[in-house]
Amino acid sequence: MTHAVSPLARPFPVIPPIAGVTLRVARAGYKDWGRCDLTYVELAQGTSVAGVFTRNVCCSSEVELGRANIAQGQARALVVNAGNSNAFTGYRGREAVEAIMDQIAAHLGCAREQVFVSSTGVIGVPLPKDKAQAGVAAALGAAPCSWQDAADTIGTTDTFAKGAMATAMVGGKTVTLGAIIKGSGMIAPDMATMLGYVFTDCAVAPAFLQDLLSTASARSFNCITVDSDTSTSDTVLAFATGAAGNAPLHGFDSPGADAFAAALHDVCLQLAHLVVRDGEGAQKLIAISVSGAVSNDSARRVGLAIANSPLVKTAIAGEDANWGRVVMAVGKAGEPADRDRLSIGFGGIWCAREGLPLSDYDEAPVAAHLKGQDVTIEVDLGLGQGRATVWTCDLTHGYISINADYRS
């Protein structure tokens, strides 16, 4: 079943070709939806790889193998299957992944561990080995495709293709970062609950690329939530081909490392926001800024307690300036908080300060703010210097409809 494009959608950006990266798509036929559902990305020899993976203990074989393969630090190919998550499928699921890896490794003449596979879709159905191998064969012979084609192909319940790009000056060379992501539901921070892929022509040592991706993920993908559910399959991988010709980055003392780190964070944050904008049934993007916490981590956890509250999310959906629901969510977060120091606001307008409603509080401008597509909630705990911002979306009947129909 197809669904209307999210009202919060953004146009797909112009992402230039990245040297050392070739994109192809094909139709494996995992579901009867009449479109391409297998993405194949070929990477130049010497490409560095880093990854972050779901911590869901019922993860797929793709995640288990990806975690193991990251240790060797090199990648030659990526395959993404859409329509079947291949999770909770036992030895048959693992055999299907290994068959894909062996097929591509033989084609490229590389080690199997340099082939990364992701799958997304329905849980509990083994990936059909015959369809997967036929789809890979078709992709190997297909013409190169655009970034948007690849982004469309990895989607499941997504209503629009999601991509991001950035550039940076590194050692006198202009390097480019291009990225695609899929994600709409089953989104909660426990790494990054979606499938996302960042590609760059910058030369970056694998260990440093891993450090940078982990840091960027903590400040982007780990600060978003749609429904508090963490998927079994989700993965973010970064690939650095080195084709830009810069001296490889090994640490922050390498020339241009700061600029590259900033560009990577920018791309990850763009992608994270796009996922929330496509939250299943979403009508509003909600940014929750928490300050005055005992630490940044504590502020983040308070923000996520608010963001994951069905009562808060439905109040925003109904454009109801019910700041009492925010108070409730702060109190249940399990983090240090003091009722008599707590301040709550919407859209930059304080409703309550230091534990009391403001005597001159006027709800009209807050109500007007909640009618917009971009909503902000401000919380000051009044305890320390910790601060964080997290992002979520409202909870509407559309979320129920999409998930009730998910397997049809």
Protein backbone atom coordinates (compact mmCIF):
# COMPACT_ATOMS: atom_id res chain seq x y z
CA MET A 1 0.00 0.00 0.00
CA THR A 2 1.32 3.45 -0.89
CA HIS A 3 0.80 6.50 1.27
CA ALA A 4 0.65 10.20 0.56
CA VAL A 5 3.93 12.09 0.60
CA SER A 6 4.63 13.56 4.02
CA PRO A 7 3.69 17.24 4.28
CA LEU A 8 7.11 17.73 5.90
CA ALA A 9 8.98 16.29 2.89
CA ARG A 10 12.01 18.01 1.41
CA PRO A 11 13.15 17.89 -2.25
CA PHE A 12 15.96 15.49 -3.04
CA PRO A 13 19.22 17.46 -3.19
CA VAL A 14 21.65 17.63 -6.08
CA ILE A 15 24.45 15.22 -5.14
CA PRO A 16 27.37 15.16 -7.58
CA PRO A 17 29.13 11.95 -8.60
CA ILE A 18 31.71 10.79 -6.06
CA ALA A 19 34.85 9.23 -7.50
CA GLY A 20 35.17 5.59 -6.54
CA VAL A 21 31.42 5.10 -6.01
CA THR A 22 29.15 3.47 -8.63
CA LEU A 23 25.44 3.00 -7.92
CA ARG A 24 23.16 0.44 -9.57
CA VAL A 25 19.65 -0.83 -8.82
CA ALA A 26 17.64 -3.88 -9.87
CA ARG A 27 14.41 -5.68 -9.12
CA ALA A 28 14.76 -8.85 -7.05
CA GLY A 29 11.02 -9.12 -6.45
CA TYR A 30 11.04 -9.42 -2.67
CA LYS A 31 7.53 -7.93 -2.62
CA ASP A 32 4.88 -7.45 -5.26
CA TRP A 33 5.32 -3.72 -5.56
CA GLY A 34 6.54 -3.35 -9.13
CA ARG A 35 9.70 -1.39 -8.51
CA CYS A 36 13.42 -1.88 -7.94
CA ASP A 37 14.18 -3.27 -4.51
CA LEU A 38 17.91 -4.09 -4.61
CA THR A 39 20.66 -1.49 -4.53
CA TYR A 40 24.26 -2.37 -5.40
CA VAL A 41 27.12 0.03 -4.76
CA GLU A 42 30.58 -0.78 -6.06
CA LEU A 43 33.48 0.90 -4.29
CA ALA A 44 37.05 1.50 -5.41
CA GLN A 45 39.85 -0.61 -4.03
CA GLY A 46 41.24 0.81 -0.82
CA THR A 47 37.92 2.29 0.35
CA SER A 48 37.79 2.72 4.13
CA VAL A 49 34.60 1.77 5.98
CA ALA A 50 33.09 2.54 9.38
CA GLY A 51 29.74 1.61 10.82
CA VAL A 52 27.28 1.89 13.66
CA PHE A 53 24.62 -0.74 14.17
CA THR A 54 21.42 -1.33 16.07
CA ARG A 55 21.76 -2.69 19.60
CA ASN A 56 18.53 -4.62 19.31
CA VAL A 57 19.47 -8.11 20.58
CA CYS A 58 17.17 -9.73 18.00
CA CYS A 59 19.23 -8.25 15.17
CA SER A 60 19.55 -9.71 11.69
CA SER A 61 22.45 -11.72 10.27
CA GLU A 62 23.26 -8.68 8.12
CA VAL A 63 23.95 -6.69 11.29
CA GLU A 64 25.98 -9.47 12.90
CA LEU A 65 28.14 -9.93 9.82
CA GLY A 66 28.48 -6.20 9.28
CA ARG A 67 29.72 -5.69 12.83
CA ALA A 68 32.33 -8.41 12.33
CA ASN A 69 33.42 -7.15 8.92
CA ILE A 70 33.92 -3.56 10.05
CA ALA A 71 36.98 -4.64 12.01
CA GLN A 72 39.04 -5.19 8.84
CA GLY A 73 38.35 -1.60 7.78
CA GLN A 74 37.99 -2.01 4.00
CA ALA A 75 34.96 -2.22 1.68
CA ARG A 76 34.45 -3.03 -2.00
CA ALA A 77 30.66 -3.28 -2.21
CA LEU A 78 27.32 -2.66 -0.53
CA VAL A 79 24.01 -4.42 -1.21
CA VAL A 80 20.72 -3.20 0.25
CA ASN A 81 17.57 -5.35 0.03
CA ALA A 82 14.20 -3.64 0.56
CA GLY A 83 10.97 -5.43 1.46
CA ASN A 84 12.41 -8.19 3.62
CA SER A 85 14.42 -7.56 6.79
CA ASN A 86 15.73 -11.16 6.93
CA ALA A 87 15.65 -10.86 10.73
CA PHE A 88 14.61 -13.69 13.05
CA THR A 89 15.20 -16.17 10.22
CA GLY A 90 17.89 -18.45 11.68
CA TYR A 91 20.46 -20.26 9.58
CA ARG A 92 18.46 -19.79 6.35
CA GLY A 93 18.70 -16.01 6.68
CA ARG A 94 22.42 -16.16 7.33
CA GLU A 95 22.99 -18.47 4.37
CA ALA A 96 21.22 -15.99 2.09
CA VAL A 97 23.46 -13.13 3.24
CA GLU A 98 26.61 -15.20 2.87
CA ALA A 99 25.54 -16.26 -0.62
CA ILE A 100 25.20 -12.59 -1.64
CA MET A 101 28.61 -11.80 -0.16
CA ASP A 102 30.24 -14.75 -1.95
CA GLN A 103 28.58 -13.86 -5.26
CA ILE A 104 29.86 -10.30 -5.23
CA ALA A 105 33.27 -11.19 -3.82
CA ALA A 106 33.75 -13.61 -6.72
CA HIS A 107 32.67 -10.93 -9.20
CA LEU A 108 35.05 -8.31 -7.77
CA GLY A 109 37.87 -10.64 -6.79
CA CYS A 110 37.85 -9.37 -3.21
CA ALA A 111 37.50 -10.87 0.25
CA ARG A 112 33.97 -11.72 1.34
CA GLU A 113 34.44 -9.53 4.40
CA GLN A 114 34.66 -6.48 2.14
CA VAL A 115 31.04 -6.91 1.01
CA PHE A 116 28.41 -5.32 3.25
CA VAL A 117 24.74 -6.28 3.13
CA SER A 118 21.67 -4.61 4.66
CA SER A 119 18.05 -5.69 4.49
CA THR A 120 14.88 -3.91 5.58
CA GLY A 121 11.22 -4.83 5.65
CA VAL A 122 9.06 -7.50 7.24
CA ILE A 123 10.60 -9.50 10.10
CA GLY A 124 10.50 -13.31 10.24
CA VAL A 125 10.59 -14.19 6.53
CA PRO A 126 13.89 -15.64 5.28
CA LEU A 127 15.41 -13.70 2.40
CA PRO A 128 14.71 -15.81 -0.72
CA LYS A 129 18.17 -16.90 -1.81
CA ASP A 130 17.17 -17.42 -5.44
CA LYS A 131 15.59 -13.97 -5.74
CA ALA A 132 18.53 -12.35 -3.98
CA GLN A 133 21.12 -13.92 -6.25
CA ALA A 134 19.10 -13.18 -9.38
CA GLY A 135 18.67 -9.59 -8.21
CA VAL A 136 22.41 -9.23 -7.60
CA ALA A 137 23.15 -10.64 -11.03
CA ALA A 138 20.75 -8.14 -12.59
CA ALA A 139 22.34 -5.29 -10.65
CA LEU A 140 25.84 -6.27 -11.72
CA GLY A 141 24.78 -5.91 -15.34
CA ALA A 142 22.69 -2.76 -14.89
CA ALA A 143 23.66 0.72 -15.99
CA PRO A 144 24.79 3.13 -13.25
CA CYS A 145 21.93 5.05 -11.69
CA SER A 146 21.39 8.35 -9.89
CA TRP A 147 21.55 9.02 -6.17
CA GLN A 148 17.79 9.53 -6.12
CA ASP A 149 17.20 6.17 -7.82
CA ALA A 150 19.29 4.50 -5.14
CA ALA A 151 17.46 6.39 -2.37
CA ASP A 152 14.08 5.38 -3.79
CA THR A 153 15.13 1.76 -4.03
CA ILE A 154 16.18 1.33 -0.38
CA GLY A 155 12.85 2.71 0.94
CA THR A 156 9.96 0.74 2.45
CA THR A 157 7.23 2.86 4.07
CA ASP A 158 9.15 6.03 3.17
CA THR A 159 7.04 8.59 1.34
CA PHE A 160 9.94 10.51 -0.23
CA ALA A 161 13.56 9.86 -1.20
CA LYS A 162 16.07 11.17 1.32
CA GLY A 163 19.55 12.43 0.57
CA ALA A 164 22.15 14.91 1.78
CA MET A 165 25.47 16.33 0.66
CA ALA A 166 28.25 18.56 1.91
CA THR A 167 31.76 19.60 0.90
CA ALA A 168 34.89 20.45 2.87
CA MET A 169 38.43 21.67 2.20
CA VAL A 170 40.89 19.02 3.33
CA GLY A 171 44.59 19.47 2.79
CA GLY A 172 44.00 21.84 -0.11
CA LYS A 173 41.54 19.47 -1.80
CA THR A 174 37.77 19.88 -2.04
CA VAL A 175 36.17 16.68 -0.81
CA THR A 176 32.52 15.76 -1.28
CA LEU A 177 30.16 13.80 0.94
CA GLY A 178 26.96 12.30 -0.48
CA ALA A 179 24.48 10.26 1.51
CA ILE A 180 21.16 8.47 1.30
CA ILE A 181 18.92 7.09 4.02
CA LYS A 182 15.67 5.24 4.53
CA GLY A 183 13.53 5.44 7.64
CA SER A 184 10.00 6.35 8.58
CA GLY A 185 8.85 4.14 11.46
CA MET A 186 10.46 1.90 14.08
CA ILE A 187 12.71 4.87 14.82
CA ALA A 188 14.31 5.35 18.22
CA PRO A 189 17.89 6.06 19.22
CA ASP A 190 19.92 2.99 20.04
CA MET A 191 22.60 3.79 17.50
CA ALA A 192 20.57 4.82 14.51
CA THR A 193 17.37 3.04 13.70
CA MET A 194 17.29 3.24 9.93
CA LEU A 195 19.50 2.32 6.99
CA GLY A 196 21.87 5.15 6.11
CA TYR A 197 24.94 5.32 3.90
CA VAL A 198 27.51 8.11 3.62
CA PHE A 199 30.02 8.17 0.78
CA THR A 200 33.00 10.48 0.37
CA ASP A 201 36.04 10.81 -1.87
CA CYS A 202 38.09 11.98 1.11
CA ALA A 203 40.97 9.75 2.23
CA VAL A 204 40.34 8.79 5.86
CA ALA A 205 41.97 6.04 7.89
CA PRO A 206 39.37 3.46 9.01
CA ALA A 207 39.92 3.94 12.74
CA PHE A 208 39.52 7.71 12.51
CA LEU A 209 36.49 7.36 10.24
CA GLN A 210 34.94 5.11 12.89
CA ASP A 211 35.58 7.67 15.61
CA LEU A 212 34.06 10.44 13.52
CA LEU A 213 30.99 8.43 12.54
CA SER A 214 30.34 7.31 16.12
CA THR A 215 30.55 10.90 17.34
CA ALA A 216 28.35 12.24 14.54
CA SER A 217 25.77 9.50 15.16
CA ALA A 218 25.58 10.31 18.86
CA ARG A 219 24.68 13.91 18.00
CA SER A 220 22.24 13.15 15.17
CA PHE A 221 20.74 9.68 14.75
CA ASN A 222 20.80 9.07 18.50
CA CYS A 223 18.83 12.27 19.05
CA ILE A 224 15.75 11.38 17.00
CA THR A 225 12.72 9.24 17.70
CA VAL A 226 9.45 8.57 15.89
CA ASP A 227 7.87 5.84 17.98
CA SER A 228 10.46 4.63 20.54
CA ASP A 229 10.92 1.30 18.72
CA THR A 230 14.41 0.14 17.80
CA SER A 231 14.63 -2.00 14.67
CA THR A 232 16.35 -5.35 14.27
CA SER A 233 18.19 -4.41 11.09
CA ASP A 234 19.37 -0.87 11.22
CA THR A 235 22.77 0.29 10.15
CA VAL A 236 24.68 3.42 9.20
CA LEU A 237 27.84 2.92 7.16
CA ALA A 238 30.41 5.47 5.98
CA PHE A 239 32.68 4.76 3.01
CA ALA A 240 35.76 6.85 2.13
CA THR A 241 37.26 6.08 -1.28
CA GLY A 242 40.29 8.39 -1.02
CA ALA A 243 39.88 9.44 -4.66
CA ALA A 244 40.09 13.17 -3.82
CA GLY A 245 43.85 12.76 -3.41
CA ASN A 246 44.23 14.38 0.00
CA ALA A 247 46.75 13.10 2.52
CA PRO A 248 44.80 10.51 4.55
CA LEU A 249 43.24 11.77 7.76
CA HIS A 250 44.45 9.83 10.78
CA GLY A 251 43.33 12.11 13.59
CA PHE A 252 42.42 15.67 14.45
CA ASP A 253 46.04 16.72 14.01
CA SER A 254 45.73 15.94 10.28
CA PRO A 255 45.18 19.06 8.12
CA GLY A 256 41.50 19.50 7.33
CA ALA A 257 40.26 16.94 9.86
CA ASP A 258 38.09 19.48 11.68
CA ALA A 259 36.46 20.55 8.41
CA PHE A 260 35.74 16.97 7.39
CA ALA A 261 34.33 16.15 10.82
CA ALA A 262 32.00 19.16 10.61
CA ALA A 263 30.83 18.13 7.13
CA LEU A 264 30.17 14.56 8.28
CA HIS A 265 28.16 15.82 11.24
CA ASP A 266 26.21 18.13 8.94
CA VAL A 267 25.31 15.29 6.58
CA CYS A 268 24.27 12.99 9.44
CA LEU A 269 22.10 15.69 10.99
CA GLN A 270 20.45 16.42 7.63
CA LEU A 271 19.65 12.72 7.24
CA ALA A 272 18.34 12.40 10.80
CA HIS A 273 15.96 15.32 10.33
CA LEU A 274 14.69 13.86 7.05
CA VAL A 275 13.78 10.61 8.80
CA VAL A 276 11.73 12.46 11.40
CA ARG A 277 10.09 14.54 8.67
CA ASP A 278 8.92 11.27 7.15
CA GLY A 279 7.76 9.79 10.45
CA GLU A 280 4.78 7.59 9.75
CA GLY A 281 1.70 9.81 9.76
CA ALA A 282 3.73 12.88 10.77
CA GLN A 283 2.23 16.33 10.32
CA LYS A 284 4.66 18.30 12.51
CA LEU A 285 8.40 18.29 13.19
CA ILE A 286 9.08 18.80 16.90
CA ALA A 287 12.41 20.04 18.31
CA ILE A 288 12.80 19.65 22.06
CA SER A 289 15.58 21.69 23.64
CA VAL A 290 16.54 20.83 27.21
CA SER A 291 18.87 23.01 29.24
CA GLY A 292 19.87 23.26 32.88
CA ALA A 293 20.45 19.52 33.26
CA VAL A 294 23.18 17.96 35.37
CA SER A 295 24.92 16.74 32.19
CA ASN A 296 24.45 16.69 28.44
CA ASP A 297 23.58 12.99 28.55
CA SER A 298 20.96 13.63 31.21
CA ALA A 299 19.49 16.45 29.10
CA ARG A 300 19.27 14.11 26.13
CA ARG A 301 17.47 11.45 28.15
CA VAL A 302 14.98 13.99 29.46
CA GLY A 303 14.39 15.23 25.92
CA LEU A 304 13.77 11.70 24.69
CA ALA A 305 11.31 11.02 27.50
CA ILE A 306 9.32 14.01 26.27
CA ALA A 307 9.74 13.05 22.61
CA ASN A 308 8.57 9.48 23.20
CA SER A 309 5.51 10.42 25.26
CA PRO A 310 2.30 9.54 23.36
CA LEU A 311 0.48 12.17 25.41
CA VAL A 312 2.91 14.91 24.39
CA LYS A 313 2.92 13.78 20.75
CA THR A 314 -0.86 13.62 20.51
CA ALA A 315 -1.21 17.00 22.20
CA ILE A 316 1.03 18.51 19.52
CA ALA A 317 -0.97 16.70 16.84
CA GLY A 318 -4.12 18.28 18.29
CA GLU A 319 -2.40 21.68 18.56
CA ASP A 320 -3.16 21.69 22.28
CA ALA A 321 -0.84 23.87 24.39
CA ASN A 322 -0.98 21.40 27.28
CA TRP A 323 2.36 22.04 28.94
CA GLY A 324 1.34 19.81 31.85
CA ARG A 325 2.08 16.81 29.65
CA VAL A 326 5.66 18.03 29.30
CA VAL A 327 5.92 18.32 33.08
CA MET A 328 4.72 14.72 33.35
CA ALA A 329 7.29 13.48 30.85
CA VAL A 330 10.14 15.26 32.63
CA GLY A 331 9.07 13.68 35.90
CA LYS A 332 9.02 10.14 34.52
CA ALA A 333 12.38 10.38 32.74
CA GLY A 334 14.33 8.96 35.69
CA GLU A 335 16.80 11.84 35.53
CA PRO A 336 17.60 14.48 38.16
CA ALA A 337 14.86 17.11 38.14
CA ASP A 338 13.32 19.49 40.66
CA ARG A 339 9.66 20.41 40.28
CA ASP A 340 10.27 23.82 41.83
CA ARG A 341 13.06 24.75 39.39
CA LEU A 342 11.40 23.48 36.23
CA SER A 343 10.47 25.88 33.40
CA ILE A 344 8.46 24.96 30.27
CA GLY A 345 7.92 26.86 27.03
CA PHE A 346 6.66 26.49 23.46
CA GLY A 347 7.99 28.44 20.50
CA GLY A 348 10.18 30.62 22.70
CA ILE A 349 7.27 31.62 24.94
CA TRP A 350 7.51 30.51 28.56
CA CYS A 351 4.37 28.99 30.04
CA ALA A 352 5.76 28.15 33.46
CA ARG A 353 8.90 29.28 35.27
CA GLU A 354 10.58 27.72 38.30
CA GLY A 355 7.74 25.41 39.14
CA LEU A 356 4.84 27.83 38.69
CA PRO A 357 2.56 28.91 35.82
CA LEU A 358 3.31 32.48 34.78
CA SER A 359 0.65 34.86 36.06
CA ASP A 360 0.63 36.78 32.77
CA TYR A 361 0.79 33.71 30.52
CA ASP A 362 -1.12 34.23 27.28
CA GLU A 363 -1.92 30.98 25.50
CA ALA A 364 -2.90 32.61 22.21
CA PRO A 365 0.63 32.97 20.72
CA VAL A 366 1.52 29.45 21.84
CA ALA A 367 -1.62 28.09 20.18
CA ALA A 368 -0.64 29.96 17.00
CA HIS A 369 2.85 28.43 17.14
CA LEU A 370 1.40 24.91 17.44
CA LYS A 371 -0.57 25.39 14.24
CA GLY A 372 2.67 25.48 12.27
CA GLN A 373 4.59 22.52 10.88
CA ASP A 374 7.73 23.21 12.94
CA VAL A 375 7.14 23.15 16.69
CA THR A 376 9.66 23.79 19.45
CA ILE A 377 9.45 22.82 23.10
CA GLU A 378 11.84 24.39 25.60
CA VAL A 379 12.64 22.88 29.01
CA ASP A 380 14.97 24.39 31.62
CA LEU A 381 15.64 22.07 34.54
CA GLY A 382 17.51 24.74 36.50
CA LEU A 383 20.08 22.29 37.89
CA GLY A 384 23.29 22.62 35.86
CA GLN A 385 24.92 23.33 32.52
CA GLY A 386 23.86 20.22 30.59
CA ARG A 387 21.91 20.74 27.38
CA ALA A 388 20.70 18.77 24.37
CA THR A 389 18.23 18.95 21.52
CA VAL A 390 16.25 15.97 20.26
CA TRP A 391 13.79 15.74 17.40
CA THR A 392 10.53 13.85 16.95
CA CYS A 393 7.18 14.16 15.20
CA ASP A 394 3.57 14.21 16.28
CA LEU A 395 1.47 11.06 16.64
CA THR A 396 -1.56 10.92 14.38
CA HIS A 397 -4.05 8.33 13.21
CA GLY A 398 -1.91 7.99 10.10
CA TYR A 399 0.70 6.11 12.15
CA ILE A 400 -1.89 3.50 13.10
CA SER A 401 -3.15 3.15 9.54
CA ILE A 402 0.32 2.67 8.06
CA ASN A 403 1.40 0.07 10.59
CA ALA A 404 -1.91 -1.78 10.62
CA ASP A 405 -1.53 -2.22 6.84
CA TYR A 406 2.23 -2.87 6.89
CA ARG A 407 2.21 -6.49 5.71
CA SER A 408 -0.49 -6.02 3.09
